[in-house]
Protein backbone atom coordinates (compact mmCIF):
# COMPACT_ATOMS: atom_id res chain seq x y z
CA MET A 1 0.11 -0.02 0.51
CA SER A 2 1.44 3.37 -1.16
CA THR A 3 1.84 6.03 1.44
CA LEU A 4 2.35 8.99 -0.61
CA SER A 5 1.85 12.14 0.74
CA PHE A 6 -0.23 15.43 -1.15
CA HIS A 7 0.33 17.64 1.91
CA ASN A 8 2.52 19.80 -0.30
CA PHE A 9 1.01 19.82 -3.33
CA SER A 10 0.16 23.38 -4.83
CA TRP A 11 -0.54 23.95 -8.35
CA LYS A 12 1.59 26.98 -8.74
CA GLY A 13 4.77 25.04 -8.01
CA ASP A 14 8.26 26.03 -7.18
CA PRO A 15 8.19 29.39 -5.66
CA LYS A 16 11.83 30.48 -7.66
CA TRP A 17 9.60 29.77 -10.76
CA TRP A 18 6.52 31.75 -10.10
CA ASN A 19 8.88 34.41 -8.51
CA ALA A 20 10.80 34.55 -11.92
CA SER A 21 8.22 35.71 -13.91
CA SER A 22 4.75 36.07 -14.69
CA TRP A 23 4.63 33.05 -17.31
CA THR A 24 7.23 30.81 -16.01
CA GLY A 25 4.73 30.10 -13.01
CA TYR A 26 3.02 27.84 -15.18
CA GLY A 27 5.73 25.78 -15.38
CA PRO A 28 3.66 22.36 -13.78
CA ILE A 29 0.66 23.13 -16.25
CA VAL A 30 3.26 22.58 -19.20
CA VAL A 31 4.83 19.47 -17.72
CA CYS A 32 1.12 17.87 -17.09
CA VAL A 33 0.36 18.68 -20.25
CA ILE A 34 3.67 16.94 -21.57
CA PHE A 35 2.97 14.23 -19.56
CA ALA A 36 -0.62 13.80 -21.19
CA ILE A 37 0.81 14.06 -24.77
CA ALA A 38 3.35 11.15 -23.74
CA VAL A 39 0.30 8.83 -22.95
CA VAL A 40 -1.08 9.71 -25.93
CA GLN A 41 2.50 8.98 -27.69
CA LEU A 42 2.78 5.62 -26.06
CA VAL A 43 -1.00 4.74 -27.41
CA CYS A 44 -0.60 5.29 -30.88
CA GLY A 45 2.62 4.33 -31.02
CA SER A 46 1.66 0.76 -29.46
CA ILE A 47 -1.17 0.61 -32.41
CA TRP A 48 1.84 1.55 -35.01
CA ILE A 49 3.71 -1.55 -33.83
CA VAL A 50 1.10 -3.91 -33.56
CA GLN A 51 -0.20 -2.49 -37.35
CA LEU A 52 3.80 -3.11 -39.16
CA GLY A 53 3.69 -6.26 -37.76
CA SER A 54 6.34 -8.45 -39.36
CA ARG A 55 8.08 -5.04 -40.62
CA LEU A 56 8.79 -3.87 -37.24
CA THR A 57 12.55 -2.56 -36.81
CA VAL A 58 14.38 -1.47 -34.05
CA PRO A 59 14.72 2.20 -35.09
CA MET A 60 10.88 2.06 -35.28
CA ILE A 61 10.38 0.67 -31.35
CA ILE A 62 12.93 3.84 -30.13
CA GLN A 63 10.78 6.06 -32.28
CA THR A 64 7.16 5.05 -31.51
CA LEU A 65 7.77 3.60 -27.87
CA LEU A 66 11.24 4.44 -26.42
CA ILE A 67 11.26 7.82 -26.81
CA PRO A 68 7.68 9.11 -25.94
CA GLY A 69 8.33 5.80 -22.83
CA CYS A 70 11.21 8.47 -21.68
CA SER A 71 9.34 11.11 -22.00
CA PHE A 72 6.65 9.68 -19.59
CA PHE A 73 8.98 8.62 -17.53
CA ASN A 74 10.98 12.47 -17.35
CA ALA A 75 7.56 14.13 -16.63
CA ILE A 76 6.73 11.94 -13.64
CA PRO A 77 9.21 12.95 -11.33
CA SER A 78 9.53 16.79 -12.93
CA ILE A 79 5.80 16.89 -12.08
CA HIS A 80 6.73 15.54 -8.66
CA LEU A 81 9.58 18.11 -8.01
CA HIS A 82 7.16 20.94 -9.15
CA MET A 83 4.22 20.45 -7.19
CA LEU A 84 5.13 18.32 -4.03
CA LEU A 85 8.52 19.04 -3.39
CA ARG A 86 8.10 22.42 -5.23
CA ASN A 87 11.84 22.63 -6.05
CA ASN A 88 13.12 21.94 -9.66
CA PRO A 89 16.36 22.83 -10.25
CA PRO A 90 15.96 25.08 -13.71
CA ARG A 91 19.04 24.07 -15.16
CA MET A 92 18.83 20.21 -14.57
CA ALA A 93 15.19 21.47 -16.46
CA LEU A 94 16.50 23.23 -19.15
CA TRP A 95 19.43 20.17 -19.81
CA PHE A 96 16.48 17.45 -19.67
CA SER A 97 14.26 19.88 -21.84
CA SER A 98 16.88 20.64 -24.72
CA ILE A 99 17.77 16.94 -24.76
CA PHE A 100 13.95 16.03 -25.35
CA VAL A 101 13.31 18.96 -28.32
CA VAL A 102 16.27 17.46 -30.42
CA LEU A 103 15.11 13.89 -29.27
CA TYR A 104 11.45 14.72 -30.37
CA LEU A 105 12.23 17.08 -33.55
CA CYS A 106 14.11 14.22 -35.18
CA SER A 107 11.50 12.08 -34.88
CA ALA A 108 9.32 14.39 -35.95
CA ILE A 109 10.56 15.06 -39.25
CA LEU A 110 12.01 11.48 -40.62
CA PRO A 111 8.90 10.33 -41.10
CA LEU A 112 7.88 13.40 -42.83
CA ALA A 113 11.23 13.52 -44.90
CA ALA A 114 10.46 9.87 -45.70
CA CYS A 115 7.04 10.19 -47.18
CA ALA A 116 7.51 13.70 -48.74
CA GLY A 117 6.18 14.31 -52.10
CA SER A 118 4.02 11.93 -54.50
CA SER A 119 7.00 9.82 -55.76
CA PRO A 120 9.63 7.44 -53.86
CA SER A 121 12.38 9.05 -55.77
CA GLY A 122 15.54 9.56 -54.12
CA ILE A 123 14.44 7.89 -50.47
CA PRO A 124 15.40 4.71 -49.41
CA ARG A 125 12.49 2.16 -50.47
CA GLY A 126 13.38 0.71 -46.52
CA LEU A 127 12.81 3.93 -45.06
CA ARG A 128 9.85 4.64 -47.05
CA ARG A 129 7.99 1.61 -46.24
CA ALA A 130 8.62 1.76 -42.19
CA GLU A 131 8.41 5.61 -41.96
CA CYS A 132 4.89 6.05 -44.33
CA PRO A 133 1.61 5.18 -43.78
CA GLN A 134 -0.22 2.81 -46.01
CA GLY A 135 -1.44 4.19 -49.23
CA THR A 136 1.87 6.69 -49.78
CA PRO A 137 3.37 6.30 -53.08
CA GLY A 138 6.39 3.71 -52.54
CA GLY A 139 5.21 2.96 -48.93
CA PRO A 140 3.78 -0.12 -47.44
CA GLU A 141 0.56 -1.81 -48.80
CA GLN A 142 -0.29 -2.94 -45.43
CA GLY A 143 0.94 -0.89 -42.11
CA VAL A 144 0.55 1.90 -40.09
CA SER A 145 -3.17 3.81 -40.69
CA LYS A 146 -3.23 7.74 -41.58
CA ALA A 147 -5.08 8.60 -39.07
CA VAL A 148 -2.47 7.19 -36.01
CA TRP A 149 0.37 8.27 -37.95
CA ASP A 150 -0.61 12.01 -38.52
CA THR A 151 -1.39 12.06 -34.49
CA MET A 152 1.99 10.52 -34.07
CA VAL A 153 3.66 12.98 -36.16
CA ALA A 154 1.67 15.93 -34.78
CA PHE A 155 1.80 15.16 -30.79
CA GLN A 156 5.86 14.45 -31.54
CA PHE A 157 5.67 18.36 -32.86
CA PHE A 158 3.24 19.12 -29.82
CA SER A 159 5.97 17.86 -27.56
CA VAL A 160 8.58 19.87 -29.25
CA VAL A 161 6.85 23.13 -28.66
CA GLY A 162 6.09 21.52 -24.99
CA TYR A 163 9.84 20.97 -24.23
CA GLY A 164 10.72 23.82 -25.99
CA ILE A 165 8.47 26.06 -23.53
CA HIS A 166 9.27 24.29 -20.38
CA GLY A 167 13.18 24.98 -21.29
CA SER A 168 12.93 28.18 -22.22
CA MET A 169 11.03 29.14 -18.80
CA ALA A 170 14.09 27.15 -16.93
CA TYR A 171 16.45 29.41 -18.51
CA LYS A 172 14.30 32.67 -17.99
CA VAL A 173 14.43 31.18 -14.15
CA HIS A 174 18.19 30.04 -14.18
CA ARG A 175 19.19 34.01 -15.74
CA VAL A 176 17.09 35.31 -12.89
CA LEU A 177 18.26 33.31 -10.27
CA LYS A 178 21.78 34.17 -11.27
CA GLY A 179 21.41 37.75 -11.46
CA ARG A 180 20.16 38.01 -8.36
CA ARG A 181 22.59 35.74 -6.34
CA GLU A 182 25.48 38.05 -8.46
CA ARG A 183 23.68 41.32 -6.74
CA GLY A 184 23.56 39.48 -3.69
CA GLU A 185 19.72 39.21 -3.09
CA ILE A 186 19.87 35.46 -2.39
CA GLU A 187 22.01 34.16 0.12
CA THR A 188 24.44 31.68 -1.26
CA LEU A 189 24.65 28.12 0.39
CA ASP A 190 27.72 26.68 1.41
CA PRO A 191 28.31 23.25 -0.11
CA GLU A 192 27.43 21.29 3.36
CA GLN A 193 23.95 23.49 3.58
CA GLU A 194 23.28 22.58 0.10
CA GLU A 195 24.63 18.66 0.78
CA ALA A 196 21.76 18.70 3.13
CA ARG A 197 18.83 20.50 1.42
CA LYS A 198 19.62 17.80 -1.27
CA GLN A 199 19.55 14.62 1.42
CA LYS A 200 16.04 16.40 2.73
CA ALA A 201 14.86 16.70 -0.67
CA ARG A 202 15.87 12.75 -1.56
CA ASP A 203 14.42 11.99 2.06
CA LEU A 204 10.86 13.12 1.19
CA TRP A 205 11.06 11.42 -2.09
CA GLN A 206 11.89 8.14 -0.05
CA LYS A 207 9.07 8.73 1.85
CA ASN A 208 6.33 10.11 -0.13
CA TYR A 209 7.09 6.41 -2.32
CA ARG A 210 7.67 4.11 0.45
CA MET A 211 5.85 0.58 -0.08
CA GLU A 212 4.77 -0.54 2.89
CA GLY A 213 5.50 -4.03 3.80
CA LEU A 214 8.45 -4.52 1.63
């Protein structure tokens, strides 16, 4: 039985984020949207893989399941840091958001480039057959449906936008905190205090997710 505690829960999230700027305070909502998008992508990716059948390849597994799965499991701790711990380090958020922007951008552009135009000339046949929906000239006769393909590609671009916004927020918060620290408006913690703060966060995480009876 889980002992997850929601006594610190707040939609306002980390005070550092909503004090930095009026728009950075929407970070928790952006992360929740990213989480929902990842769920839709996992559903579409599962359908895509089933419809591919014997034509399934490792790159397609990475593109349709692994990347959305990583996004899904990245969004969960991010929501936890924003809304429960209310202490989301902007630099860490910026790094993860930047990585996912690149991954999703490549994942979204690849099928568009492979299926562009009405002629398969100049595009490897295997790539076009794997990336394109059924009925595409030079594509597979039986494969992923156009509805699933359209939804998957569209939500991949939504993820690019979502992570781009979240990364921009994190960068803004990081710059504001850096400026305040340089002006002496924020008390800088010594290494021992910083480690104690991190340990407290780790202890709270373990307490919230401790499973009884194990």
